[in-house]
Amino acid sequence: MENTRFKISQYACAVLLIVSSIALVAYQVVEIDDVASGLLYYVAQSFLLAGSIFGLDQYIRIINKLYHEHKN
């Protein structure tokens, strides 16, 4: 049960990071027709962290699957 809550909160944070970065870029483009370099840095870091969250989980699943197949 605890592991499921952790995964849900982890995925929710990743999705919120992506959504917030897209929303901030859209707001800046509409308001000032430009995107500041600091915001681009935030977007890059957000996508990197979100990708790491999703990718790392998949990597661990693959390793566990291979370990259990090799063990049996």
PDB file of N, CA and C in Angstrom:
ATOM      1  N   MET A   1       0.825  -1.191   0.000  1.00  0.00           N
ATOM      2  CA  MET A   1       0.000   0.000   0.000  1.00  0.00           C
ATOM      3  C   MET A   1       0.871   1.259   0.000  1.00  0.00           C
ATOM      4  N   GLU A   2       1.891   1.261   0.834  1.00  0.00           N
ATOM      5  CA  GLU A   2       2.770   2.427   0.934  1.00  0.00           C
ATOM      6  C   GLU A   2       3.522   2.661  -0.373  1.00  0.00           C
ATOM      7  N   ASN A   3       3.943   1.591  -1.011  1.00  0.00           N
ATOM      8  CA  ASN A   3       4.659   1.707  -2.274  1.00  0.00           C
ATOM      9  C   ASN A   3       3.772   2.320  -3.348  1.00  0.00           C
ATOM     10  N   THR A   4       2.500   1.984  -3.359  1.00  0.00           N
ATOM     11  CA  THR A   4       1.569   2.536  -4.339  1.00  0.00           C
ATOM     12  C   THR A   4       1.386   4.033  -4.125  1.00  0.00           C
ATOM     13  N   ARG A   5       1.253   4.454  -2.897  1.00  0.00           N
ATOM     14  CA  ARG A   5       1.130   5.889  -2.604  1.00  0.00           C
ATOM     15  C   ARG A   5       2.372   6.646  -3.055  1.00  0.00           C
ATOM     16  N   PHE A   6       3.517   6.060  -2.810  1.00  0.00           N
ATOM     17  CA  PHE A   6       4.768   6.706  -3.206  1.00  0.00           C
ATOM     18  C   PHE A   6       4.840   6.857  -4.717  1.00  0.00           C
ATOM     19  N   LYS A   7       4.476   5.816  -5.448  1.00  0.00           N
ATOM     20  CA  LYS A   7       4.518   5.885  -6.904  1.00  0.00           C
ATOM     21  C   LYS A   7       3.520   6.896  -7.452  1.00  0.00           C
ATOM     22  N   ILE A   8       2.338   6.953  -6.854  1.00  0.00           N
ATOM     23  CA  ILE A   8       1.339   7.920  -7.300  1.00  0.00           C
ATOM     24  C   ILE A   8       1.842   9.343  -7.068  1.00  0.00           C
ATOM     25  N   SER A   9       2.419   9.600  -5.913  1.00  0.00           N
ATOM     26  CA  SER A   9       2.932  10.943  -5.639  1.00  0.00           C
ATOM     27  C   SER A   9       4.124  11.270  -6.531  1.00  0.00           C
ATOM     28  N   GLN A  10       4.944  10.280  -6.823  1.00  0.00           N
ATOM     29  CA  GLN A  10       6.090  10.473  -7.703  1.00  0.00           C
ATOM     30  C   GLN A  10       5.637  10.835  -9.113  1.00  0.00           C
ATOM     31  N   TYR A  11       4.683  10.095  -9.641  1.00  0.00           N
ATOM     32  CA  TYR A  11       4.172  10.378 -10.980  1.00  0.00           C
ATOM     33  C   TYR A  11       3.406  11.691 -11.024  1.00  0.00           C
ATOM     34  N   ALA A  12       2.683  12.003  -9.970  1.00  0.00           N
ATOM     35  CA  ALA A  12       1.959  13.271  -9.924  1.00  0.00           C
ATOM     36  C   ALA A  12       2.923  14.448  -9.946  1.00  0.00           C
ATOM     37  N   CYS A  13       4.019  14.347  -9.222  1.00  0.00           N
ATOM     38  CA  CYS A  13       5.025  15.415  -9.241  1.00  0.00           C
ATOM     39  C   CYS A  13       5.636  15.570 -10.629  1.00  0.00           C
ATOM     40  N   ALA A  14       5.913  14.461 -11.293  1.00  0.00           N
ATOM     41  CA  ALA A  14       6.483  14.526 -12.636  1.00  0.00           C
ATOM     42  C   ALA A  14       5.519  15.184 -13.609  1.00  0.00           C
ATOM     43  N   VAL A  15       4.258  14.810 -13.544  1.00  0.00           N
ATOM     44  CA  VAL A  15       3.263  15.393 -14.449  1.00  0.00           C
ATOM     45  C   VAL A  15       3.063  16.871 -14.139  1.00  0.00           C
ATOM     46  N   LEU A  16       3.028  17.232 -12.859  1.00  0.00           N
ATOM     47  CA  LEU A  16       2.875  18.639 -12.490  1.00  0.00           C
ATOM     48  C   LEU A  16       4.067  19.481 -12.937  1.00  0.00           C
ATOM     49  N   LEU A  17       5.254  18.927 -12.883  1.00  0.00           N
ATOM     50  CA  LEU A  17       6.425  19.644 -13.377  1.00  0.00           C
ATOM     51  C   LEU A  17       6.293  19.942 -14.862  1.00  0.00           C
ATOM     52  N   ILE A  18       5.890  18.951 -15.635  1.00  0.00           N
ATOM     53  CA  ILE A  18       5.743  19.144 -17.073  1.00  0.00           C
ATOM     54  C   ILE A  18       4.648  20.160 -17.374  1.00  0.00           C
ATOM     55  N   VAL A  19       3.513  20.015 -16.715  1.00  0.00           N
ATOM     56  CA  VAL A  19       2.386  20.922 -16.955  1.00  0.00           C
ATOM     57  C   VAL A  19       2.728  22.352 -16.540  1.00  0.00           C
ATOM     58  N   SER A  20       3.386  22.511 -15.407  1.00  0.00           N
ATOM     59  CA  SER A  20       3.735  23.863 -14.958  1.00  0.00           C
ATOM     60  C   SER A  20       4.730  24.528 -15.891  1.00  0.00           C
ATOM     61  N   SER A  21       5.695  23.788 -16.394  1.00  0.00           N
ATOM     62  CA  SER A  21       6.664  24.392 -17.305  1.00  0.00           C
ATOM     63  C   SER A  21       6.005  24.796 -18.623  1.00  0.00           C
ATOM     64  N   ILE A  22       5.114  23.970 -19.136  1.00  0.00           N
ATOM     65  CA  ILE A  22       4.404  24.319 -20.372  1.00  0.00           C
ATOM     66  C   ILE A  22       3.501  25.533 -20.137  1.00  0.00           C
ATOM     67  N   ALA A  23       2.836  25.584 -19.001  1.00  0.00           N
ATOM     68  CA  ALA A  23       1.958  26.717 -18.700  1.00  0.00           C
ATOM     69  C   ALA A  23       2.749  28.017 -18.571  1.00  0.00           C
ATOM     70  N   LEU A  24       3.895  27.961 -17.921  1.00  0.00           N
ATOM     71  CA  LEU A  24       4.710  29.165 -17.781  1.00  0.00           C
ATOM     72  C   LEU A  24       5.225  29.666 -19.125  1.00  0.00           C
ATOM     73  N   VAL A  25       5.638  28.759 -19.987  1.00  0.00           N
ATOM     74  CA  VAL A  25       6.099  29.159 -21.320  1.00  0.00           C
ATOM     75  C   VAL A  25       4.942  29.759 -22.114  1.00  0.00           C
ATOM     76  N   ALA A  26       3.790  29.136 -22.063  1.00  0.00           N
ATOM     77  CA  ALA A  26       2.632  29.658 -22.789  1.00  0.00           C
ATOM     78  C   ALA A  26       2.265  31.047 -22.285  1.00  0.00           C
ATOM     79  N   TYR A  27       2.302  31.253 -20.992  1.00  0.00           N
ATOM     80  CA  TYR A  27       1.987  32.569 -20.421  1.00  0.00           C
ATOM     81  C   TYR A  27       2.974  33.623 -20.897  1.00  0.00           C
ATOM     82  N   GLN A  28       4.259  33.300 -20.877  1.00  0.00           N
ATOM     83  CA  GLN A  28       5.256  34.281 -21.313  1.00  0.00           C
ATOM     84  C   GLN A  28       5.139  34.586 -22.798  1.00  0.00           C
ATOM     85  N   VAL A  29       4.852  33.594 -23.604  1.00  0.00           N
ATOM     86  CA  VAL A  29       4.709  33.829 -25.038  1.00  0.00           C
ATOM     87  C   VAL A  29       3.512  34.731 -25.308  1.00  0.00           C
ATOM     88  N   VAL A  30       2.423  34.519 -24.606  1.00  0.00           N
ATOM     89  CA  VAL A  30       1.228  35.335 -24.811  1.00  0.00           C
ATOM     90  C   VAL A  30       1.450  36.756 -24.298  1.00  0.00           C
ATOM     91  N   GLU A  31       2.076  36.891 -23.142  1.00  0.00           N
ATOM     92  CA  GLU A  31       2.246  38.212 -22.526  1.00  0.00           C
ATOM     93  C   GLU A  31       3.320  39.064 -23.193  1.00  0.00           C
ATOM     94  N   ILE A  32       4.524  38.495 -23.397  1.00  0.00           N
ATOM     95  CA  ILE A  32       5.627  39.333 -23.884  1.00  0.00           C
ATOM     96  C   ILE A  32       6.225  38.845 -25.200  1.00  0.00           C
ATOM     97  N   ASP A  33       5.633  37.851 -25.815  1.00  0.00           N
ATOM     98  CA  ASP A  33       6.103  37.316 -27.103  1.00  0.00           C
ATOM     99  C   ASP A  33       7.560  36.868 -27.071  1.00  0.00           C
ATOM    100  N   ASP A  34       8.014  36.409 -25.932  1.00  0.00           N
ATOM    101  CA  ASP A  34       9.390  35.943 -25.795  1.00  0.00           C
ATOM    102  C   ASP A  34       9.448  34.954 -24.633  1.00  0.00           C
ATOM    103  N   VAL A  35      10.492  34.148 -24.627  1.00  0.00           N
ATOM    104  CA  VAL A  35      10.697  33.216 -23.521  1.00  0.00           C
ATOM    105  C   VAL A  35      12.068  33.510 -22.924  1.00  0.00           C
ATOM    106  N   ALA A  36      12.094  33.812 -21.642  1.00  0.00           N
ATOM    107  CA  ALA A  36      13.344  34.157 -20.964  1.00  0.00           C
ATOM    108  C   ALA A  36      14.237  32.933 -20.827  1.00  0.00           C
ATOM    109  N   SER A  37      15.524  33.170 -20.769  1.00  0.00           N
ATOM    110  CA  SER A  37      16.474  32.060 -20.674  1.00  0.00           C
ATOM    111  C   SER A  37      16.336  31.307 -19.357  1.00  0.00           C
ATOM    112  N   GLY A  38      15.994  32.011 -18.285  1.00  0.00           N
ATOM    113  CA  GLY A  38      15.787  31.343 -16.997  1.00  0.00           C
ATOM    114  C   GLY A  38      14.619  30.377 -17.045  1.00  0.00           C
ATOM    115  N   LEU A  39      13.585  30.761 -17.767  1.00  0.00           N
ATOM    116  CA  LEU A  39      12.428  29.876 -17.907  1.00  0.00           C
ATOM    117  C   LEU A  39      12.785  28.655 -18.750  1.00  0.00           C
ATOM    118  N   LEU A  40      13.584  28.853 -19.774  1.00  0.00           N
ATOM    119  CA  LEU A  40      14.025  27.709 -20.580  1.00  0.00           C
ATOM    120  C   LEU A  40      14.852  26.734 -19.745  1.00  0.00           C
ATOM    121  N   TYR A  41      15.651  27.274 -18.832  1.00  0.00           N
ATOM    122  CA  TYR A  41      16.423  26.435 -17.925  1.00  0.00           C
ATOM    123  C   TYR A  41      15.484  25.637 -17.016  1.00  0.00           C
ATOM    124  N   TYR A  42      14.435  26.287 -16.512  1.00  0.00           N
ATOM    125  CA  TYR A  42      13.445  25.601 -15.671  1.00  0.00           C
ATOM    126  C   TYR A  42      12.739  24.497 -16.455  1.00  0.00           C
ATOM    127  N   VAL A  43      12.372  24.777 -17.700  1.00  0.00           N
ATOM    128  CA  VAL A  43      11.705  23.779 -18.537  1.00  0.00           C
ATOM    129  C   VAL A  43      12.621  22.581 -18.764  1.00  0.00           C
ATOM    130  N   ALA A  44      13.891  22.855 -19.062  1.00  0.00           N
ATOM    131  CA  ALA A  44      14.836  21.759 -19.293  1.00  0.00           C
ATOM    132  C   ALA A  44      15.001  20.901 -18.048  1.00  0.00           C
ATOM    133  N   GLN A  45      15.142  21.530 -16.902  1.00  0.00           N
ATOM    134  CA  GLN A  45      15.293  20.778 -15.657  1.00  0.00           C
ATOM    135  C   GLN A  45      14.029  19.998 -15.313  1.00  0.00           C
ATOM    136  N   SER A  46      12.875  20.576 -15.585  1.00  0.00           N
ATOM    137  CA  SER A  46      11.610  19.893 -15.314  1.00  0.00           C
ATOM    138  C   SER A  46      11.461  18.642 -16.169  1.00  0.00           C
ATOM    139  N   PHE A  47      11.746  18.781 -17.462  1.00  0.00           N
ATOM    140  CA  PHE A  47      11.640  17.627 -18.336  1.00  0.00           C
ATOM    141  C   PHE A  47      12.686  16.577 -18.003  1.00  0.00           C
ATOM    142  N   LEU A  48      13.868  17.000 -17.616  1.00  0.00           N
ATOM    143  CA  LEU A  48      14.916  16.048 -17.233  1.00  0.00           C
ATOM    144  C   LEU A  48      14.512  15.260 -15.992  1.00  0.00           C
ATOM    145  N   LEU A  49      13.991  15.949 -14.988  1.00  0.00           N
ATOM    146  CA  LEU A  49      13.567  15.267 -13.763  1.00  0.00           C
ATOM    147  C   LEU A  49      12.380  14.353 -14.019  1.00  0.00           C
ATOM    148  N   ALA A  50      11.400  14.832 -14.779  1.00  0.00           N
ATOM    149  CA  ALA A  50      10.226  13.999 -15.068  1.00  0.00           C
ATOM    150  C   ALA A  50      10.633  12.770 -15.887  1.00  0.00           C
ATOM    151  N   GLY A  51      11.490  12.961 -16.845  1.00  0.00           N
ATOM    152  CA  GLY A  51      11.973  11.819 -17.634  1.00  0.00           C
ATOM    153  C   GLY A  51      12.756  10.836 -16.789  1.00  0.00           C
ATOM    154  N   SER A  52      13.522  11.353 -15.843  1.00  0.00           N
ATOM    155  CA  SER A  52      14.271  10.476 -14.943  1.00  0.00           C
ATOM    156  C   SER A  52      13.347   9.674 -14.048  1.00  0.00           C
ATOM    157  N   ILE A  53      12.288  10.304 -13.580  1.00  0.00           N
ATOM    158  CA  ILE A  53      11.336   9.596 -12.712  1.00  0.00           C
ATOM    159  C   ILE A  53      10.694   8.444 -13.471  1.00  0.00           C
ATOM    160  N   PHE A  54      10.193   8.725 -14.676  1.00  0.00           N
ATOM    161  CA  PHE A  54       9.544   7.673 -15.453  1.00  0.00           C
ATOM    162  C   PHE A  54      10.549   6.643 -15.953  1.00  0.00           C
ATOM    163  N   GLY A  55      11.703   7.090 -16.417  1.00  0.00           N
ATOM    164  CA  GLY A  55      12.699   6.184 -16.975  1.00  0.00           C
ATOM    165  C   GLY A  55      13.347   5.293 -15.935  1.00  0.00           C
ATOM    166  N   LEU A  56      13.628   5.847 -14.773  1.00  0.00           N
ATOM    167  CA  LEU A  56      14.271   5.070 -13.720  1.00  0.00           C
ATOM    168  C   LEU A  56      13.353   3.967 -13.228  1.00  0.00           C
ATOM    169  N   ASP A  57      12.090   4.259 -13.099  1.00  0.00           N
ATOM    170  CA  ASP A  57      11.133   3.245 -12.664  1.00  0.00           C
ATOM    171  C   ASP A  57      11.071   2.090 -13.668  1.00  0.00           C
ATOM    172  N   GLN A  58      11.049   2.414 -14.943  1.00  0.00           N
ATOM    173  CA  GLN A  58      11.017   1.377 -15.974  1.00  0.00           C
ATOM    174  C   GLN A  58      12.308   0.559 -15.957  1.00  0.00           C
ATOM    175  N   TYR A  59      13.442   1.214 -15.764  1.00  0.00           N
ATOM    176  CA  TYR A  59      14.737   0.534 -15.708  1.00  0.00           C
ATOM    177  C   TYR A  59      14.782  -0.453 -14.547  1.00  0.00           C
ATOM    178  N   ILE A  60      14.264  -0.051 -13.397  1.00  0.00           N
ATOM    179  CA  ILE A  60      14.249  -0.939 -12.232  1.00  0.00           C
ATOM    180  C   ILE A  60      13.325  -2.125 -12.479  1.00  0.00           C
ATOM    181  N   ARG A  61      12.181  -1.908 -13.125  1.00  0.00           N
ATOM    182  CA  ARG A  61      11.280  -3.021 -13.452  1.00  0.00           C
ATOM    183  C   ARG A  61      11.970  -4.044 -14.348  1.00  0.00           C
ATOM    184  N   ILE A  62      12.689  -3.569 -15.335  1.00  0.00           N
ATOM    185  CA  ILE A  62      13.380  -4.486 -16.263  1.00  0.00           C
ATOM    186  C   ILE A  62      14.445  -5.277 -15.524  1.00  0.00           C
ATOM    187  N   ILE A  63      15.211  -4.617 -14.672  1.00  0.00           N
ATOM    188  CA  ILE A  63      16.256  -5.318 -13.910  1.00  0.00           C
ATOM    189  C   ILE A  63      15.644  -6.357 -12.989  1.00  0.00           C
ATOM    190  N   ASN A  64      14.565  -6.008 -12.288  1.00  0.00           N
ATOM    191  CA  ASN A  64      13.911  -6.976 -11.403  1.00  0.00           C
ATOM    192  C   ASN A  64      13.359  -8.165 -12.183  1.00  0.00           C
ATOM    193  N   LYS A  65      12.787  -7.916 -13.340  1.00  0.00           N
ATOM    194  CA  LYS A  65      12.249  -8.999 -14.162  1.00  0.00           C
ATOM    195  C   LYS A  65      13.365  -9.939 -14.609  1.00  0.00           C
ATOM    196  N   LEU A  66      14.468  -9.372 -15.074  1.00  0.00           N
ATOM    197  CA  LEU A  66      15.595 -10.204 -15.507  1.00  0.00           C
ATOM    198  C   LEU A  66      16.198 -10.977 -14.338  1.00  0.00           C
ATOM    199  N   TYR A  67      16.254 -10.352 -13.164  1.00  0.00           N
ATOM    200  CA  TYR A  67      16.797 -11.013 -11.980  1.00  0.00           C
ATOM    201  C   TYR A  67      15.929 -12.209 -11.584  1.00  0.00           C
ATOM    202  N   HIS A  68      14.628 -12.025 -11.586  1.00  0.00           N
ATOM    203  CA  HIS A  68      13.728 -13.111 -11.184  1.00  0.00           C
ATOM    204  C   HIS A  68      13.710 -14.223 -12.227  1.00  0.00           C
ATOM    205  N   GLU A  69      13.851 -13.890 -13.508  1.00  0.00           N
ATOM    206  CA  GLU A  69      13.913 -14.933 -14.539  1.00  0.00           C
ATOM    207  C   GLU A  69      15.205 -15.729 -14.398  1.00  0.00           C
ATOM    208  N   HIS A  70      16.296 -15.056 -14.079  1.00  0.00           N
ATOM    209  CA  HIS A  70      17.589 -15.732 -13.937  1.00  0.00           C
ATOM    210  C   HIS A  70      17.619 -16.576 -12.670  1.00  0.00           C
ATOM    211  N   LYS A  71      16.939 -16.128 -11.634  1.00  0.00           N
ATOM    212  CA  LYS A  71      16.911 -16.831 -10.351  1.00  0.00           C
ATOM    213  C   LYS A  71      16.139 -18.138 -10.466  1.00  0.00           C
ATOM    214  N   ASN A  72      15.091 -18.156 -11.277  1.00  0.00           N
ATOM    215  CA  ASN A  72      14.263 -19.354 -11.401  1.00  0.00           C
ATOM    216  C   ASN A  72      14.873 -20.263 -12.381  1.00  0.00           C
TER     217      ASN A  72
END
